[in-house]
Amino acid sequence: MNPITQQRIESIISSSPIMVFMKGTKLMPQCGFSNNVVQILNSLGVSFDTFDVLSDEEIRQGIKDFSSWPTIPQVYVKGEFIGGSDILIELYNSGELREKLEVALAS
């Protein structure tokens, strides 16, 4: 990944306490996995921002390289990569996600 793309990704991640790289937007997800993440975060009542990877091919590929995670969506909390749709579902079902978000957002 080129340094400019890496810098853009770091800037996007740091622009919000909870950032989701996804297909579409939180108001109009463009795939089921992205929609799962939006529904989970909405159900927890947390504020989050999204970046539509369909709008930017460099970021779409770059975020996969950045996180060493091959799929979209990708969720970052306070700059830390949490995971994708399956991981969020697991964390949500176990109650860990609510706890992790409360701790991160309180600090």
C-alpha atoms as a PDB file:
ATOM      1  CA  MET A   1       0.000   0.000   0.000  1.00  0.00           C
ATOM      2  CA  ASN A   2       1.305   3.436  -0.831  1.00  0.00           C
ATOM      3  CA  PRO A   3       1.997   5.879   2.032  1.00  0.00           C
ATOM      4  CA  ILE A   4      -0.712   8.314   0.881  1.00  0.00           C
ATOM      5  CA  THR A   5      -3.421   5.630   1.055  1.00  0.00           C
ATOM      6  CA  GLN A   6      -2.157   4.504   4.462  1.00  0.00           C
ATOM      7  CA  GLN A   7      -2.245   8.079   5.722  1.00  0.00           C
ATOM      8  CA  ARG A   8      -5.801   8.535   4.384  1.00  0.00           C
ATOM      9  CA  ILE A   9      -6.940   5.342   6.129  1.00  0.00           C
ATOM     10  CA  GLU A  10      -5.345   6.397   9.428  1.00  0.00           C
ATOM     11  CA  SER A  11      -7.022   9.796   9.112  1.00  0.00           C
ATOM     12  CA  ILE A  12     -10.448   8.234   8.442  1.00  0.00           C
ATOM     13  CA  ILE A  13     -10.075   5.837  11.393  1.00  0.00           C
ATOM     14  CA  SER A  14      -9.061   8.635  13.765  1.00  0.00           C
ATOM     15  CA  SER A  15     -11.919  10.886  12.632  1.00  0.00           C
ATOM     16  CA  SER A  16     -14.498   9.020  14.751  1.00  0.00           C
ATOM     17  CA  PRO A  17     -14.503   6.928  17.947  1.00  0.00           C
ATOM     18  CA  ILE A  18     -16.369   4.203  16.021  1.00  0.00           C
ATOM     19  CA  MET A  19     -15.619   3.941  12.306  1.00  0.00           C
ATOM     20  CA  VAL A  20     -17.071   1.303   9.996  1.00  0.00           C
ATOM     21  CA  PHE A  21     -15.606   0.665   6.565  1.00  0.00           C
ATOM     22  CA  MET A  22     -18.529  -0.821   4.677  1.00  0.00           C
ATOM     23  CA  LYS A  23     -20.312  -1.174   1.368  1.00  0.00           C
ATOM     24  CA  GLY A  24     -22.812   1.673   1.319  1.00  0.00           C
ATOM     25  CA  THR A  25     -23.677   3.955   4.199  1.00  0.00           C
ATOM     26  CA  LYS A  26     -25.369   3.451   7.546  1.00  0.00           C
ATOM     27  CA  LEU A  27     -28.556   4.839   6.007  1.00  0.00           C
ATOM     28  CA  MET A  28     -28.270   2.626   2.935  1.00  0.00           C
ATOM     29  CA  PRO A  29     -26.061  -0.455   3.392  1.00  0.00           C
ATOM     30  CA  GLN A  30     -25.221  -2.150   0.091  1.00  0.00           C
ATOM     31  CA  CYS A  31     -24.636  -5.685   1.383  1.00  0.00           C
ATOM     32  CA  GLY A  32     -26.058  -7.947   4.066  1.00  0.00           C
ATOM     33  CA  PHE A  33     -22.863  -8.105   6.109  1.00  0.00           C
ATOM     34  CA  SER A  34     -22.615  -4.308   6.238  1.00  0.00           C
ATOM     35  CA  ASN A  35     -26.297  -4.154   7.180  1.00  0.00           C
ATOM     36  CA  ASN A  36     -25.680  -6.626  10.065  1.00  0.00           C
ATOM     37  CA  VAL A  37     -23.020  -4.318  11.514  1.00  0.00           C
ATOM     38  CA  VAL A  38     -25.242  -1.233  11.166  1.00  0.00           C
ATOM     39  CA  GLN A  39     -28.166  -3.019  12.862  1.00  0.00           C
ATOM     40  CA  ILE A  40     -25.979  -4.207  15.750  1.00  0.00           C
ATOM     41  CA  LEU A  41     -24.489  -0.759  16.393  1.00  0.00           C
ATOM     42  CA  ASN A  42     -27.910   0.906  16.068  1.00  0.00           C
ATOM     43  CA  SER A  43     -29.413  -1.571  18.554  1.00  0.00           C
ATOM     44  CA  LEU A  44     -26.697  -0.609  21.062  1.00  0.00           C
ATOM     45  CA  GLY A  45     -27.572   3.058  20.620  1.00  0.00           C
ATOM     46  CA  VAL A  46     -24.013   4.157  19.886  1.00  0.00           C
ATOM     47  CA  SER A  47     -23.032   6.908  17.527  1.00  0.00           C
ATOM     48  CA  PHE A  48     -20.782   5.760  14.697  1.00  0.00           C
ATOM     49  CA  ASP A  49     -19.526   6.904  11.336  1.00  0.00           C
ATOM     50  CA  THR A  50     -19.098   4.987   8.125  1.00  0.00           C
ATOM     51  CA  PHE A  51     -16.900   5.098   5.051  1.00  0.00           C
ATOM     52  CA  ASP A  52     -18.358   3.706   1.829  1.00  0.00           C
ATOM     53  CA  VAL A  53     -15.595   1.609   0.267  1.00  0.00           C
ATOM     54  CA  LEU A  54     -17.602   1.403  -2.964  1.00  0.00           C
ATOM     55  CA  SER A  55     -16.867   5.092  -3.469  1.00  0.00           C
ATOM     56  CA  ASP A  56     -13.080   4.674  -3.351  1.00  0.00           C
ATOM     57  CA  GLU A  57     -11.249   1.658  -4.795  1.00  0.00           C
ATOM     58  CA  GLU A  58      -7.904   2.609  -3.190  1.00  0.00           C
ATOM     59  CA  ILE A  59      -9.467   2.624   0.281  1.00  0.00           C
ATOM     60  CA  ARG A  60     -11.488  -0.518  -0.509  1.00  0.00           C
ATOM     61  CA  GLN A  61      -8.310  -2.514  -1.169  1.00  0.00           C
ATOM     62  CA  GLY A  62      -6.106  -0.526   1.190  1.00  0.00           C
ATOM     63  CA  ILE A  63      -8.205  -1.184   4.302  1.00  0.00           C
ATOM     64  CA  LYS A  64      -7.854  -4.944   3.718  1.00  0.00           C
ATOM     65  CA  ASP A  65      -4.071  -4.565   3.587  1.00  0.00           C
ATOM     66  CA  PHE A  66      -4.061  -2.144   6.531  1.00  0.00           C
ATOM     67  CA  SER A  67      -5.874  -4.550   8.858  1.00  0.00           C
ATOM     68  CA  SER A  68      -4.671  -7.823   7.295  1.00  0.00           C
ATOM     69  CA  TRP A  69      -8.363  -8.726   7.175  1.00  0.00           C
ATOM     70  CA  PRO A  70      -9.697  -9.828   3.768  1.00  0.00           C
ATOM     71  CA  THR A  71     -13.330  -8.769   3.988  1.00  0.00           C
ATOM     72  CA  ILE A  72     -15.586  -5.741   4.354  1.00  0.00           C
ATOM     73  CA  PRO A  73     -17.139  -4.476   6.639  1.00  0.00           C
ATOM     74  CA  GLN A  74     -14.438  -3.613   9.128  1.00  0.00           C
ATOM     75  CA  VAL A  75     -15.117  -1.965  12.481  1.00  0.00           C
ATOM     76  CA  TYR A  76     -12.635   0.217  14.360  1.00  0.00           C
ATOM     77  CA  VAL A  77     -13.199   1.445  17.915  1.00  0.00           C
ATOM     78  CA  LYS A  78     -10.873   4.207  19.135  1.00  0.00           C
ATOM     79  CA  GLY A  79      -8.450   3.259  16.376  1.00  0.00           C
ATOM     80  CA  GLU A  80      -8.422  -0.460  17.228  1.00  0.00           C
ATOM     81  CA  PHE A  81      -9.585  -2.989  14.634  1.00  0.00           C
ATOM     82  CA  ILE A  82     -12.389  -5.047  16.193  1.00  0.00           C
ATOM     83  CA  GLY A  83     -13.414  -7.253  13.268  1.00  0.00           C
ATOM     84  CA  GLY A  84     -16.030  -7.781  10.620  1.00  0.00           C
ATOM     85  CA  SER A  85     -19.646  -8.870  10.597  1.00  0.00           C
ATOM     86  CA  ASP A  86     -19.145 -12.379  12.047  1.00  0.00           C
ATOM     87  CA  ILE A  87     -16.917 -11.126  14.868  1.00  0.00           C
ATOM     88  CA  LEU A  88     -19.378  -8.350  15.735  1.00  0.00           C
ATOM     89  CA  ILE A  89     -22.271 -10.834  15.825  1.00  0.00           C
ATOM     90  CA  GLU A  90     -20.296 -13.082  18.201  1.00  0.00           C
ATOM     91  CA  LEU A  91     -19.281 -10.176  20.445  1.00  0.00           C
ATOM     92  CA  TYR A  92     -22.855  -8.826  20.435  1.00  0.00           C
ATOM     93  CA  ASN A  93     -24.406 -12.197  21.319  1.00  0.00           C
ATOM     94  CA  SER A  94     -21.946 -12.746  24.180  1.00  0.00           C
ATOM     95  CA  GLY A  95     -22.452  -9.226  25.568  1.00  0.00           C
ATOM     96  CA  GLU A  96     -18.769  -8.402  25.067  1.00  0.00           C
ATOM     97  CA  LEU A  97     -19.447  -5.786  22.387  1.00  0.00           C
ATOM     98  CA  ARG A  98     -21.589  -3.586  24.630  1.00  0.00           C
ATOM     99  CA  GLU A  99     -18.930  -3.812  27.352  1.00  0.00           C
ATOM    100  CA  LYS A 100     -16.066  -3.082  24.940  1.00  0.00           C
ATOM    101  CA  LEU A 101     -17.876  -0.055  23.491  1.00  0.00           C
ATOM    102  CA  GLU A 102     -18.824   1.346  26.910  1.00  0.00           C
ATOM    103  CA  VAL A 103     -15.223   1.120  28.112  1.00  0.00           C
ATOM    104  CA  ALA A 104     -13.793   2.601  24.914  1.00  0.00           C
ATOM    105  CA  LEU A 105     -16.276   5.446  24.730  1.00  0.00           C
ATOM    106  CA  ALA A 106     -15.925   6.310  28.424  1.00  0.00           C
ATOM    107  CA  SER A 107     -12.179   6.847  28.154  1.00  0.00           C
END
